[in-house]
């Protein structure tokens, strides 16, 4: 059953898929160069995503799924959510001010 889109349930901050990719690479202790080599892409493609200058395309999402194990649809959903949040007045996570008194 399809549901109607409700912009009131969107977060206020948009996280770019590159932020999640950066976290994955750090957790795996993998460099962007190694990832690029393993998926057969120029390192500039990976760096543009990590620098939040480009989005993850369908072919790239499939390659990331193969190498990292995260489903391709998850990568594409992250990109779509990022776009929707920004289109509905949200801010980029990279532009958000960190909490001054974060829980410890």
C-alpha atoms as a PDB file:
ATOM      1  CA  UNK A   1       0.000   0.000   0.000  1.00  0.00           C
ATOM      2  CA  UNK A   2       1.451   3.380  -0.995  1.00  0.00           C
ATOM      3  CA  UNK A   3       1.487   6.238   1.452  1.00  0.00           C
ATOM      4  CA  UNK A   4       1.385   9.954   0.764  1.00  0.00           C
ATOM      5  CA  UNK A   5       4.561  11.939   1.280  1.00  0.00           C
ATOM      6  CA  UNK A   6       4.460  13.965   4.487  1.00  0.00           C
ATOM      7  CA  UNK A   7       7.208  16.619   4.713  1.00  0.00           C
ATOM      8  CA  UNK A   8       6.381  17.135   8.401  1.00  0.00           C
ATOM      9  CA  UNK A   9       8.132  13.878   9.293  1.00  0.00           C
ATOM     10  CA  UNK A  10      11.428  14.794   7.637  1.00  0.00           C
ATOM     11  CA  UNK A  11      14.426  15.603   9.818  1.00  0.00           C
ATOM     12  CA  UNK A  12      15.696  19.192   9.960  1.00  0.00           C
ATOM     13  CA  UNK A  13      19.244  18.218   9.048  1.00  0.00           C
ATOM     14  CA  UNK A  14      20.304  16.471   5.845  1.00  0.00           C
ATOM     15  CA  UNK A  15      23.150  14.006   6.036  1.00  0.00           C
ATOM     16  CA  UNK A  16      24.945  13.465   2.737  1.00  0.00           C
ATOM     17  CA  UNK A  17      25.646   9.822   1.781  1.00  0.00           C
ATOM     18  CA  UNK A  18      29.337  10.766   1.723  1.00  0.00           C
ATOM     19  CA  UNK A  19      29.249  11.137   5.482  1.00  0.00           C
ATOM     20  CA  UNK A  20      28.035   7.548   5.851  1.00  0.00           C
ATOM     21  CA  UNK A  21      30.598   6.343   3.316  1.00  0.00           C
ATOM     22  CA  UNK A  22      33.342   8.133   5.264  1.00  0.00           C
ATOM     23  CA  UNK A  23      32.199   6.348   8.449  1.00  0.00           C
ATOM     24  CA  UNK A  24      32.220   2.975   6.676  1.00  0.00           C
ATOM     25  CA  UNK A  25      35.704   3.523   5.292  1.00  0.00           C
ATOM     26  CA  UNK A  26      37.000   4.563   8.712  1.00  0.00           C
ATOM     27  CA  UNK A  27      35.441   1.522  10.377  1.00  0.00           C
ATOM     28  CA  UNK A  28      36.983  -0.772   7.761  1.00  0.00           C
ATOM     29  CA  UNK A  29      40.315   1.108   7.830  1.00  0.00           C
ATOM     30  CA  UNK A  30      40.013   1.410   4.049  1.00  0.00           C
ATOM     31  CA  UNK A  31      41.349   4.363   2.096  1.00  0.00           C
ATOM     32  CA  UNK A  32      39.412   6.082  -0.674  1.00  0.00           C
ATOM     33  CA  UNK A  33      42.126   4.877  -3.048  1.00  0.00           C
ATOM     34  CA  UNK A  34      41.586   1.254  -2.046  1.00  0.00           C
ATOM     35  CA  UNK A  35      37.815   1.563  -2.381  1.00  0.00           C
ATOM     36  CA  UNK A  36      38.204   3.171  -5.805  1.00  0.00           C
ATOM     37  CA  UNK A  37      40.489   0.359  -6.933  1.00  0.00           C
ATOM     38  CA  UNK A  38      38.135  -2.325  -5.625  1.00  0.00           C
ATOM     39  CA  UNK A  39      35.090  -0.876  -7.392  1.00  0.00           C
ATOM     40  CA  UNK A  40      36.952   0.090 -10.566  1.00  0.00           C
ATOM     41  CA  UNK A  41      36.383   3.848 -10.334  1.00  0.00           C
ATOM     42  CA  UNK A  42      38.763   6.805 -10.318  1.00  0.00           C
ATOM     43  CA  UNK A  43      39.586   7.967  -6.796  1.00  0.00           C
ATOM     44  CA  UNK A  44      38.209  11.401  -7.768  1.00  0.00           C
ATOM     45  CA  UNK A  45      34.719   9.859  -7.905  1.00  0.00           C
ATOM     46  CA  UNK A  46      35.058   8.611  -4.336  1.00  0.00           C
ATOM     47  CA  UNK A  47      36.611  11.859  -3.121  1.00  0.00           C
ATOM     48  CA  UNK A  48      33.794  13.910  -4.681  1.00  0.00           C
ATOM     49  CA  UNK A  49      31.265  11.846  -2.715  1.00  0.00           C
ATOM     50  CA  UNK A  50      33.293  12.049   0.498  1.00  0.00           C
ATOM     51  CA  UNK A  51      33.602  15.825   0.001  1.00  0.00           C
ATOM     52  CA  UNK A  52      29.818  15.987  -0.563  1.00  0.00           C
ATOM     53  CA  UNK A  53      30.253  17.353  -4.089  1.00  0.00           C
ATOM     54  CA  UNK A  54      28.549  14.401  -5.809  1.00  0.00           C
ATOM     55  CA  UNK A  55      25.842  11.861  -5.071  1.00  0.00           C
ATOM     56  CA  UNK A  56      25.995   8.087  -5.322  1.00  0.00           C
ATOM     57  CA  UNK A  57      24.636   6.872  -8.649  1.00  0.00           C
ATOM     58  CA  UNK A  58      22.841   3.572  -9.193  1.00  0.00           C
ATOM     59  CA  UNK A  59      25.883   1.829 -10.738  1.00  0.00           C
ATOM     60  CA  UNK A  60      28.100   3.097  -7.930  1.00  0.00           C
ATOM     61  CA  UNK A  61      25.566   1.981  -5.297  1.00  0.00           C
ATOM     62  CA  UNK A  62      25.684  -1.532  -6.773  1.00  0.00           C
ATOM     63  CA  UNK A  63      29.486  -1.510  -6.670  1.00  0.00           C
ATOM     64  CA  UNK A  64      29.459  -0.304  -3.048  1.00  0.00           C
ATOM     65  CA  UNK A  65      27.028  -3.076  -2.173  1.00  0.00           C
ATOM     66  CA  UNK A  66      29.390  -5.629  -3.675  1.00  0.00           C
ATOM     67  CA  UNK A  67      32.441  -4.319  -1.812  1.00  0.00           C
ATOM     68  CA  UNK A  68      31.037  -2.935   1.457  1.00  0.00           C
ATOM     69  CA  UNK A  69      27.948  -5.112   1.887  1.00  0.00           C
ATOM     70  CA  UNK A  70      25.532  -2.205   2.382  1.00  0.00           C
ATOM     71  CA  UNK A  71      22.530  -2.722   0.079  1.00  0.00           C
ATOM     72  CA  UNK A  72      22.530  -0.510  -3.011  1.00  0.00           C
ATOM     73  CA  UNK A  73      19.017   0.668  -2.214  1.00  0.00           C
ATOM     74  CA  UNK A  74      20.233   1.986   1.148  1.00  0.00           C
ATOM     75  CA  UNK A  75      22.809   4.221  -0.562  1.00  0.00           C
ATOM     76  CA  UNK A  76      20.186   5.506  -2.983  1.00  0.00           C
ATOM     77  CA  UNK A  77      17.686   6.088  -0.165  1.00  0.00           C
ATOM     78  CA  UNK A  78      20.262   8.152   1.741  1.00  0.00           C
ATOM     79  CA  UNK A  79      20.738  10.361  -1.304  1.00  0.00           C
ATOM     80  CA  UNK A  80      17.003  10.773  -1.814  1.00  0.00           C
ATOM     81  CA  UNK A  81      16.424  11.649   1.842  1.00  0.00           C
ATOM     82  CA  UNK A  82      19.245  14.210   1.658  1.00  0.00           C
ATOM     83  CA  UNK A  83      17.606  15.816  -1.376  1.00  0.00           C
ATOM     84  CA  UNK A  84      14.126  15.847   0.177  1.00  0.00           C
ATOM     85  CA  UNK A  85      15.307  17.396   3.444  1.00  0.00           C
ATOM     86  CA  UNK A  86      17.117  20.195   1.615  1.00  0.00           C
ATOM     87  CA  UNK A  87      14.158  20.829  -0.700  1.00  0.00           C
ATOM     88  CA  UNK A  88      11.897  21.157   2.341  1.00  0.00           C
ATOM     89  CA  UNK A  89      14.001  23.739   4.127  1.00  0.00           C
ATOM     90  CA  UNK A  90      16.397  21.532   6.045  1.00  0.00           C
ATOM     91  CA  UNK A  91      20.058  22.323   6.573  1.00  0.00           C
ATOM     92  CA  UNK A  92      23.092  20.336   5.529  1.00  0.00           C
ATOM     93  CA  UNK A  93      24.641  18.458   8.439  1.00  0.00           C
ATOM     94  CA  UNK A  94      28.008  19.940   7.480  1.00  0.00           C
ATOM     95  CA  UNK A  95      26.542  23.430   8.051  1.00  0.00           C
ATOM     96  CA  UNK A  96      24.931  22.606  11.418  1.00  0.00           C
ATOM     97  CA  UNK A  97      26.441  23.944  14.613  1.00  0.00           C
ATOM     98  CA  UNK A  98      27.714  21.201  16.942  1.00  0.00           C
ATOM     99  CA  UNK A  99      26.030  20.912  20.311  1.00  0.00           C
ATOM    100  CA  UNK A 100      27.835  23.005  22.891  1.00  0.00           C
ATOM    101  CA  UNK A 101      26.938  20.686  25.756  1.00  0.00           C
ATOM    102  CA  UNK A 102      26.743  17.233  24.245  1.00  0.00           C
ATOM    103  CA  UNK A 103      26.015  14.345  26.610  1.00  0.00           C
ATOM    104  CA  UNK A 104      29.159  12.608  27.801  1.00  0.00           C
END
